[in-house]
Amino acid sequence: MLDLRRHRLEFGARAVEGRGTRIPFRNVNGRSVVSTSLGSLVLDSGAHYMIRFGVRGTEDNREIVSTTGSVRAGTIFSRLDIQSRTFWRGEAVAVPESPETGVQGLLPISPFKSIYVSNSENYVVVD
């Protein structure tokens, strides 16, 4: 479990007993993808912002650069709900074109207090 508030890393199932919301995930190209109110999002510990693919935002005058190239982007107000629980509200980065199939964006881990990933059983627990 990665405890983002206390800056701790814990191993083992006991770390999540009685905590958070358990969410199943599926693997897409080796990455964990969870179903949310914003679509299927890649759980991405390296993303600094919520990024939504295939959505037009306001003032598409920003540029996002990654290892796959660069793309024009704007912002759009969004609300992230997972299993009827709201985890985040705010400005998301809106990328008009979808750079990959099967996912609608990137979900940073920053909206959560803690996150536990069970790769062997394909679920995450977020709080």
Protein backbone atom coordinates (compact mmCIF):
# COMPACT_ATOMS: atom_id res chain seq x y z
CA MET A 1 0.00 0.00 0.00
CA LEU A 2 1.22 3.45 -0.86
CA ASP A 3 0.09 5.82 1.89
CA LEU A 4 0.30 9.22 0.22
CA ARG A 5 -0.61 11.25 3.31
CA ARG A 6 1.92 9.65 5.68
CA HIS A 7 4.53 9.04 2.95
CA ARG A 8 4.78 5.33 3.74
CA LEU A 9 4.98 2.15 1.71
CA GLU A 10 3.55 -1.05 3.20
CA PHE A 11 3.57 -4.58 1.80
CA GLY A 12 1.02 -7.34 2.32
CA ALA A 13 -2.76 -7.67 2.38
CA ARG A 14 -3.00 -6.66 6.05
CA ALA A 15 -2.18 -3.09 5.01
CA VAL A 16 -5.69 -2.61 3.57
CA GLU A 17 -7.95 -4.56 5.92
CA GLY A 18 -11.11 -2.52 6.47
CA ARG A 19 -9.91 0.46 4.39
CA GLY A 20 -11.16 2.19 1.27
CA THR A 21 -13.04 1.19 -1.83
CA ARG A 22 -12.12 -2.01 -3.64
CA ILE A 23 -12.12 -1.59 -7.41
CA PRO A 24 -11.47 -4.30 -9.98
CA PHE A 25 -9.08 -3.45 -12.80
CA ARG A 26 -8.11 -4.94 -16.12
CA ASN A 27 -4.73 -4.94 -17.79
CA VAL A 28 -4.37 -3.01 -21.04
CA ASN A 29 -0.88 -3.18 -22.51
CA GLY A 30 0.51 -4.10 -19.09
CA ARG A 31 -1.15 -1.17 -17.30
CA SER A 32 -3.94 -1.15 -14.69
CA VAL A 33 -7.18 0.33 -16.06
CA VAL A 34 -10.13 1.14 -13.76
CA SER A 35 -13.73 2.01 -14.69
CA THR A 36 -14.77 5.50 -13.57
CA SER A 37 -17.40 8.12 -14.31
CA LEU A 38 -14.92 9.54 -16.85
CA GLY A 39 -14.49 6.20 -18.61
CA SER A 40 -11.71 3.64 -18.44
CA LEU A 41 -8.64 5.35 -16.99
CA VAL A 42 -5.06 4.11 -16.68
CA LEU A 43 -3.90 4.28 -13.08
CA ASP A 44 -0.69 6.26 -13.50
CA SER A 45 1.63 7.12 -10.59
CA GLY A 46 3.71 9.30 -12.93
CA ALA A 47 0.87 11.54 -14.12
CA HIS A 48 0.75 14.94 -12.45
CA TYR A 49 -2.74 15.78 -13.75
CA MET A 50 -5.97 14.05 -14.65
CA ILE A 51 -5.78 13.64 -18.42
CA ARG A 52 -8.85 12.95 -20.56
CA PHE A 53 -8.52 11.66 -24.12
CA GLY A 54 -10.95 12.45 -26.95
CA VAL A 55 -12.36 15.53 -25.17
CA ARG A 56 -12.18 19.16 -26.29
CA GLY A 57 -11.31 21.63 -23.60
CA THR A 58 -11.16 25.37 -23.38
CA GLU A 59 -8.32 27.15 -25.12
CA ASP A 60 -6.51 24.20 -26.67
CA ASN A 61 -3.26 26.17 -26.61
CA ARG A 62 -1.10 24.02 -24.36
CA GLU A 63 1.28 21.32 -25.46
CA ILE A 64 1.85 17.98 -23.75
CA VAL A 65 5.12 16.24 -24.55
CA SER A 66 5.70 12.54 -23.85
CA THR A 67 7.90 9.77 -25.17
CA THR A 68 5.38 9.17 -27.96
CA GLY A 69 5.42 12.79 -29.16
CA SER A 70 3.58 16.03 -28.49
CA VAL A 71 -0.09 16.98 -28.66
CA ARG A 72 -2.17 20.15 -28.25
CA ALA A 73 -4.36 20.24 -25.13
CA GLY A 74 -6.71 22.44 -23.12
CA THR A 75 -8.55 22.05 -19.83
CA ILE A 76 -12.02 20.91 -18.85
CA PHE A 77 -13.77 20.86 -15.49
CA SER A 78 -14.32 17.24 -14.47
CA ARG A 79 -15.60 15.17 -11.59
CA LEU A 80 -14.18 11.72 -10.84
CA ASP A 81 -16.60 9.20 -9.35
CA ILE A 82 -15.72 5.57 -8.74
CA GLN A 83 -18.43 3.21 -7.51
CA SER A 84 -20.73 6.13 -6.55
CA ARG A 85 -18.02 7.84 -4.48
CA THR A 86 -16.59 11.20 -5.56
CA PHE A 87 -12.79 11.28 -5.27
CA TRP A 88 -11.91 14.46 -7.14
CA ARG A 89 -13.27 17.62 -8.80
CA GLY A 90 -11.21 20.10 -10.77
CA GLU A 91 -9.58 21.03 -14.03
CA ALA A 92 -8.42 18.08 -16.12
CA VAL A 93 -6.16 18.25 -19.13
CA ALA A 94 -8.27 17.71 -22.26
CA VAL A 95 -6.59 16.05 -25.24
CA PRO A 96 -8.89 16.26 -28.30
CA GLU A 97 -7.47 13.17 -30.02
CA SER A 98 -7.28 9.81 -28.32
CA PRO A 99 -3.67 8.56 -28.55
CA GLU A 100 -4.63 5.00 -27.66
CA THR A 101 -7.60 2.67 -27.92
CA GLY A 102 -9.38 1.13 -24.97
CA VAL A 103 -8.73 3.96 -22.48
CA GLN A 104 -10.20 7.43 -22.04
CA GLY A 105 -7.35 8.97 -20.08
CA LEU A 106 -4.80 8.85 -17.28
CA LEU A 107 -5.71 8.77 -13.59
CA PRO A 108 -2.99 10.12 -11.29
CA ILE A 109 -2.79 8.67 -7.79
CA SER A 110 -2.88 12.15 -6.17
CA PRO A 111 -6.70 12.21 -5.61
CA PHE A 112 -6.33 9.37 -3.11
CA LYS A 113 -5.09 9.26 0.50
CA SER A 114 -3.79 5.76 -0.09
CA ILE A 115 -3.77 3.11 -2.78
CA TYR A 116 -3.19 -0.64 -2.63
CA VAL A 117 -2.67 -2.70 -5.78
CA SER A 118 -3.11 -6.47 -5.95
CA ASN A 119 -1.74 -7.52 -9.33
CA SER A 120 -2.32 -11.19 -8.57
CA GLU A 121 -6.07 -10.65 -8.00
CA ASN A 122 -6.60 -7.63 -10.32
CA TYR A 123 -8.00 -5.11 -7.87
CA VAL A 124 -7.01 -1.85 -6.22
CA VAL A 125 -8.17 -0.41 -2.91
CA VAL A 126 -8.34 3.38 -2.83
CA ASP A 127 -9.14 5.70 0.02
